[in-house]
């Protein structure tokens, strides 16, 4: 009787851990989605700047400022690299959490059966 209660407590703890991991995974997916949107916007801006023949402007706060085309191209390129690194980092965390969730799920199912 004591042993089954211990297993129940341990299983409950594992289930709680799993719920927390699922929530963390959901947060990572939202972050990844936001970075992917930002990446698409940056890529689109990069393409538009390359097409532009005349003056190029960028928005700083609530002011639009004339900028050198080359400077903006470099700035957008760096921004794109940073966003891509963030997405890769999130994907690694996502993979790790998914593996942990799968492992916990398997352990819980073994104890329940």
N, C-alpha and C. Protein backbone atom coordinates (compact mmCIF):
# COMPACT_ATOMS: atom_id res chain seq x y z
N UNK A 1 0.82 -1.19 0.00
CA UNK A 1 0.00 0.00 0.00
C UNK A 1 0.87 1.26 0.00
N UNK A 2 1.90 1.27 0.82
CA UNK A 2 2.80 2.43 0.90
C UNK A 2 3.51 2.62 -0.44
N UNK A 3 3.93 1.50 -1.05
CA UNK A 3 4.66 1.60 -2.32
C UNK A 3 3.78 2.19 -3.42
N UNK A 4 2.51 1.79 -3.51
CA UNK A 4 1.63 2.33 -4.55
C UNK A 4 1.38 3.81 -4.35
N UNK A 5 1.34 4.28 -3.10
CA UNK A 5 1.17 5.70 -2.83
C UNK A 5 2.40 6.47 -3.30
N UNK A 6 3.59 5.92 -3.07
CA UNK A 6 4.83 6.55 -3.51
C UNK A 6 4.86 6.65 -5.04
N UNK A 7 4.46 5.62 -5.70
CA UNK A 7 4.41 5.63 -7.17
C UNK A 7 3.41 6.69 -7.64
N UNK A 8 2.28 6.78 -6.97
CA UNK A 8 1.28 7.78 -7.34
C UNK A 8 1.84 9.19 -7.19
N UNK A 9 2.55 9.45 -6.09
CA UNK A 9 3.14 10.77 -5.88
C UNK A 9 4.21 11.06 -6.93
N UNK A 10 5.01 10.06 -7.20
CA UNK A 10 6.06 10.22 -8.20
C UNK A 10 5.46 10.45 -9.58
N UNK A 11 4.43 9.70 -9.90
CA UNK A 11 3.74 9.86 -11.18
C UNK A 11 3.11 11.24 -11.28
N UNK A 12 2.51 11.68 -10.20
CA UNK A 12 1.90 13.02 -10.18
C UNK A 12 2.97 14.09 -10.40
N UNK A 13 4.13 13.90 -9.79
CA UNK A 13 5.23 14.85 -9.96
C UNK A 13 5.70 14.86 -11.41
N UNK A 14 5.80 13.67 -12.00
CA UNK A 14 6.21 13.57 -13.41
C UNK A 14 5.20 14.25 -14.33
N UNK A 15 3.94 14.07 -14.01
CA UNK A 15 2.88 14.69 -14.82
C UNK A 15 2.99 16.21 -14.72
N UNK A 16 3.24 16.71 -13.50
CA UNK A 16 3.42 18.15 -13.30
C UNK A 16 4.61 18.67 -14.10
N UNK A 17 5.71 17.96 -14.06
CA UNK A 17 6.90 18.33 -14.81
C UNK A 17 6.58 18.37 -16.31
N UNK A 18 5.82 17.39 -16.75
CA UNK A 18 5.46 17.31 -18.15
C UNK A 18 4.60 18.52 -18.55
N UNK A 19 3.67 18.91 -17.70
CA UNK A 19 2.83 20.06 -18.00
C UNK A 19 3.66 21.34 -18.10
N UNK A 20 4.64 21.48 -17.21
CA UNK A 20 5.52 22.65 -17.24
C UNK A 20 6.33 22.65 -18.54
N UNK A 21 6.86 21.49 -18.90
CA UNK A 21 7.64 21.39 -20.15
C UNK A 21 6.77 21.70 -21.37
N UNK A 22 5.53 21.24 -21.35
CA UNK A 22 4.63 21.53 -22.47
C UNK A 22 4.37 23.03 -22.57
N UNK A 23 4.24 23.69 -21.44
CA UNK A 23 4.04 25.13 -21.42
C UNK A 23 5.31 25.84 -21.94
N UNK A 24 6.48 25.38 -21.53
CA UNK A 24 7.74 25.95 -22.02
C UNK A 24 7.87 25.76 -23.53
N UNK A 25 7.48 24.59 -23.99
CA UNK A 25 7.54 24.30 -25.42
C UNK A 25 6.60 25.23 -26.19
N UNK A 26 5.41 25.43 -25.65
CA UNK A 26 4.45 26.34 -26.28
C UNK A 26 5.02 27.76 -26.35
N UNK A 27 5.67 28.22 -25.27
CA UNK A 27 6.29 29.56 -25.26
C UNK A 27 7.40 29.66 -26.31
N UNK A 28 8.19 28.59 -26.42
CA UNK A 28 9.25 28.58 -27.43
C UNK A 28 8.68 28.67 -28.84
N UNK A 29 7.60 27.95 -29.07
CA UNK A 29 6.97 27.96 -30.40
C UNK A 29 6.45 29.35 -30.74
N UNK A 30 5.89 30.05 -29.74
CA UNK A 30 5.41 31.42 -29.96
C UNK A 30 6.58 32.35 -30.26
N UNK A 31 7.67 32.22 -29.51
CA UNK A 31 8.86 33.03 -29.76
C UNK A 31 9.40 32.78 -31.17
N UNK A 32 9.46 31.51 -31.53
CA UNK A 32 9.97 31.13 -32.85
C UNK A 32 9.09 31.73 -33.95
N UNK A 33 7.80 31.68 -33.75
CA UNK A 33 6.86 32.24 -34.73
C UNK A 33 7.08 33.75 -34.87
N UNK A 34 7.26 34.44 -33.75
CA UNK A 34 7.51 35.89 -33.80
C UNK A 34 8.81 36.21 -34.51
N UNK A 35 9.86 35.42 -34.25
CA UNK A 35 11.13 35.65 -34.93
C UNK A 35 11.02 35.35 -36.42
N UNK A 36 10.24 34.34 -36.79
CA UNK A 36 10.07 34.03 -38.21
C UNK A 36 9.34 35.16 -38.93
N UNK A 37 8.36 35.76 -38.26
CA UNK A 37 7.66 36.91 -38.84
C UNK A 37 8.64 38.07 -39.01
N UNK A 38 9.44 38.32 -37.98
CA UNK A 38 10.43 39.40 -38.04
C UNK A 38 11.46 39.13 -39.14
N UNK A 39 11.86 37.87 -39.29
CA UNK A 39 12.81 37.49 -40.34
C UNK A 39 12.22 37.76 -41.72
N UNK A 40 10.95 37.39 -41.92
CA UNK A 40 10.29 37.63 -43.21
C UNK A 40 10.21 39.12 -43.51
N UNK A 41 9.90 39.93 -42.50
CA UNK A 41 9.84 41.38 -42.69
C UNK A 41 11.21 41.93 -43.05
N UNK A 42 12.24 41.42 -42.41
CA UNK A 42 13.61 41.87 -42.67
C UNK A 42 14.04 41.49 -44.09
N UNK A 43 13.71 40.29 -44.50
CA UNK A 43 14.04 39.83 -45.86
C UNK A 43 13.32 40.70 -46.88
N UNK A 44 12.05 40.98 -46.64
CA UNK A 44 11.28 41.83 -47.56
C UNK A 44 11.89 43.24 -47.63
N UNK A 45 12.26 43.78 -46.47
CA UNK A 45 12.88 45.11 -46.44
C UNK A 45 14.20 45.10 -47.21
N UNK A 46 14.97 44.04 -47.02
CA UNK A 46 16.25 43.90 -47.72
C UNK A 46 16.06 43.91 -49.23
N UNK A 47 15.06 43.16 -49.70
CA UNK A 47 14.77 43.09 -51.14
C UNK A 47 14.33 44.45 -51.67
N UNK A 48 13.50 45.15 -50.90
CA UNK A 48 13.03 46.47 -51.33
C UNK A 48 14.17 47.47 -51.40
N UNK A 49 15.08 47.42 -50.44
CA UNK A 49 16.23 48.34 -50.45
C UNK A 49 17.11 48.06 -51.66
N UNK A 50 17.30 46.81 -52.00
CA UNK A 50 18.12 46.45 -53.17
C UNK A 50 17.51 46.97 -54.46
N UNK A 51 16.18 46.97 -54.55
CA UNK A 51 15.48 47.45 -55.75
C UNK A 51 15.51 48.97 -55.87
N UNK A 52 15.65 49.65 -54.75
CA UNK A 52 15.55 51.10 -54.71
C UNK A 52 16.71 51.78 -55.43
N UNK A 53 16.36 52.75 -56.27
CA UNK A 53 17.37 53.51 -57.01
C UNK A 53 17.65 54.85 -56.33
N UNK A 54 16.63 55.42 -55.71
CA UNK A 54 16.77 56.75 -55.12
C UNK A 54 17.14 56.73 -53.66
N UNK A 55 16.63 57.71 -52.94
CA UNK A 55 16.91 57.84 -51.51
C UNK A 55 16.29 56.70 -50.72
N UNK A 56 16.93 56.37 -49.62
CA UNK A 56 16.46 55.32 -48.72
C UNK A 56 16.27 55.94 -47.33
N UNK A 57 15.16 55.58 -46.70
CA UNK A 57 14.85 56.11 -45.38
C UNK A 57 14.61 54.95 -44.41
N UNK A 58 14.88 55.24 -43.15
CA UNK A 58 14.55 54.26 -42.12
C UNK A 58 13.83 54.99 -40.99
N UNK A 59 13.02 54.24 -40.27
CA UNK A 59 12.25 54.82 -39.19
C UNK A 59 13.02 54.62 -37.88
N UNK A 60 13.25 55.72 -37.18
CA UNK A 60 13.93 55.69 -35.89
C UNK A 60 12.96 56.32 -34.90
N UNK A 61 12.37 55.47 -34.06
CA UNK A 61 11.34 55.98 -33.14
C UNK A 61 10.14 56.43 -33.94
N UNK A 62 9.81 57.70 -33.86
CA UNK A 62 8.68 58.24 -34.61
C UNK A 62 9.13 59.16 -35.73
N UNK A 63 10.42 59.07 -36.09
CA UNK A 63 10.99 59.95 -37.11
C UNK A 63 11.54 59.11 -38.26
N UNK A 64 11.31 59.56 -39.48
CA UNK A 64 11.88 58.91 -40.65
C UNK A 64 13.15 59.66 -41.03
N UNK A 65 14.26 58.94 -41.14
CA UNK A 65 15.57 59.54 -41.36
C UNK A 65 16.15 59.02 -42.68
N UNK A 66 16.70 59.94 -43.47
CA UNK A 66 17.37 59.55 -44.70
C UNK A 66 18.68 58.85 -44.33
N UNK A 67 18.96 57.72 -44.97
CA UNK A 67 20.16 56.94 -44.65
C UNK A 67 20.85 56.50 -45.93
N UNK A 68 22.11 56.16 -45.81
CA UNK A 68 22.85 55.62 -46.94
C UNK A 68 22.34 54.21 -47.23
N UNK A 69 22.12 53.92 -48.49
CA UNK A 69 21.59 52.62 -48.90
C UNK A 69 22.49 51.49 -48.40
N UNK A 70 23.79 51.66 -48.52
CA UNK A 70 24.75 50.62 -48.11
C UNK A 70 24.64 50.36 -46.61
N UNK A 71 24.50 51.44 -45.81
CA UNK A 71 24.38 51.28 -44.36
C UNK A 71 23.14 50.47 -43.99
N UNK A 72 22.05 50.76 -44.66
CA UNK A 72 20.80 50.03 -44.38
C UNK A 72 20.93 48.57 -44.81
N UNK A 73 21.58 48.34 -45.95
CA UNK A 73 21.78 46.95 -46.40
C UNK A 73 22.59 46.16 -45.37
N UNK A 74 23.65 46.77 -44.85
CA UNK A 74 24.49 46.12 -43.84
C UNK A 74 23.69 45.88 -42.57
N UNK A 75 22.94 46.89 -42.15
CA UNK A 75 22.11 46.78 -40.93
C UNK A 75 21.08 45.66 -41.05
N UNK A 76 20.42 45.59 -42.21
CA UNK A 76 19.41 44.54 -42.41
C UNK A 76 20.06 43.16 -42.48
N UNK A 77 21.21 43.08 -43.08
CA UNK A 77 21.92 41.80 -43.17
C UNK A 77 22.31 41.29 -41.78
N UNK A 78 22.83 42.18 -40.95
CA UNK A 78 23.20 41.81 -39.57
C UNK A 78 21.97 41.40 -38.77
N UNK A 79 20.90 42.17 -38.95
CA UNK A 79 19.65 41.85 -38.23
C UNK A 79 19.16 40.46 -38.64
N UNK A 80 19.23 40.17 -39.93
CA UNK A 80 18.80 38.86 -40.43
C UNK A 80 19.63 37.74 -39.82
N UNK A 81 20.94 37.92 -39.74
CA UNK A 81 21.82 36.92 -39.14
C UNK A 81 21.47 36.67 -37.68
N UNK A 82 21.24 37.74 -36.94
CA UNK A 82 20.90 37.61 -35.52
C UNK A 82 19.59 36.86 -35.34
N UNK A 83 18.60 37.19 -36.14
CA UNK A 83 17.29 36.52 -36.04
C UNK A 83 17.43 35.05 -36.39
N UNK A 84 18.22 34.74 -37.43
CA UNK A 84 18.42 33.34 -37.81
C UNK A 84 19.10 32.55 -36.69
N UNK A 85 20.07 33.19 -36.01
CA UNK A 85 20.73 32.53 -34.87
C UNK A 85 19.75 32.28 -33.73
N UNK A 86 18.89 33.25 -33.48
CA UNK A 86 17.89 33.08 -32.43
C UNK A 86 16.93 31.94 -32.76
N UNK A 87 16.53 31.86 -34.01
CA UNK A 87 15.62 30.78 -34.43
C UNK A 87 16.31 29.42 -34.26
N UNK A 88 17.58 29.33 -34.65
CA UNK A 88 18.32 28.07 -34.48
C UNK A 88 18.43 27.69 -33.01
N UNK A 89 18.69 28.67 -32.16
CA UNK A 89 18.78 28.43 -30.72
C UNK A 89 17.45 27.91 -30.18
N UNK A 90 16.37 28.53 -30.60
CA UNK A 90 15.04 28.10 -30.16
C UNK A 90 14.75 26.69 -30.65
N UNK A 91 15.16 26.39 -31.87
CA UNK A 91 14.93 25.04 -32.42
C UNK A 91 15.69 23.98 -31.62
N UNK A 92 16.90 24.32 -31.15
CA UNK A 92 17.65 23.38 -30.31
C UNK A 92 16.93 23.15 -28.99
N UNK A 93 16.46 24.24 -28.38
CA UNK A 93 15.71 24.12 -27.13
C UNK A 93 14.42 23.33 -27.34
N UNK A 94 13.78 23.59 -28.47
CA UNK A 94 12.54 22.89 -28.81
C UNK A 94 12.78 21.39 -28.94
N UNK A 95 13.88 21.02 -29.61
CA UNK A 95 14.22 19.61 -29.79
C UNK A 95 14.48 18.95 -28.43
N UNK A 96 15.27 19.63 -27.58
CA UNK A 96 15.59 19.10 -26.26
C UNK A 96 14.32 18.88 -25.43
N UNK A 97 13.45 19.89 -25.39
CA UNK A 97 12.21 19.77 -24.62
C UNK A 97 11.31 18.67 -25.17
N UNK A 98 11.24 18.56 -26.48
CA UNK A 98 10.41 17.50 -27.08
C UNK A 98 10.91 16.12 -26.69
N UNK A 99 12.24 15.96 -26.68
CA UNK A 99 12.82 14.67 -26.28
C UNK A 99 12.52 14.38 -24.81
N UNK A 100 12.65 15.40 -23.96
CA UNK A 100 12.36 15.23 -22.53
C UNK A 100 10.88 14.89 -22.32
N UNK A 101 10.01 15.56 -23.06
CA UNK A 101 8.57 15.27 -22.96
C UNK A 101 8.28 13.83 -23.35
N UNK A 102 8.87 13.41 -24.42
CA UNK A 102 8.66 12.04 -24.89
C UNK A 102 9.15 11.03 -23.85
N UNK A 103 10.32 11.31 -23.28
CA UNK A 103 10.88 10.43 -22.25
C UNK A 103 9.95 10.36 -21.03
N UNK A 104 9.50 11.52 -20.56
CA UNK A 104 8.58 11.55 -19.41
C UNK A 104 7.27 10.85 -19.72
N UNK A 105 6.76 11.07 -20.92
CA UNK A 105 5.50 10.44 -21.32
C UNK A 105 5.63 8.92 -21.27
N UNK A 106 6.76 8.41 -21.78
CA UNK A 106 7.00 6.97 -21.77
C UNK A 106 7.06 6.42 -20.34
N UNK A 107 7.79 7.16 -19.47
CA UNK A 107 7.91 6.73 -18.07
C UNK A 107 6.56 6.71 -17.38
N UNK A 108 5.75 7.71 -17.61
CA UNK A 108 4.41 7.78 -16.99
C UNK A 108 3.53 6.65 -17.48
N UNK A 109 3.57 6.40 -18.78
CA UNK A 109 2.75 5.32 -19.34
C UNK A 109 3.15 3.96 -18.77
N UNK A 110 4.44 3.75 -18.55
CA UNK A 110 4.90 2.48 -17.97
C UNK A 110 4.38 2.32 -16.55
N UNK A 111 4.38 3.42 -15.78
CA UNK A 111 3.91 3.34 -14.40
C UNK A 111 2.40 3.17 -14.31
N UNK A 112 1.69 3.74 -15.24
CA UNK A 112 0.23 3.66 -15.20
C UNK A 112 -0.23 2.26 -15.57
N UNK A 113 0.47 1.63 -16.51
CA UNK A 113 0.06 0.28 -16.98
C UNK A 113 0.35 -0.80 -16.00
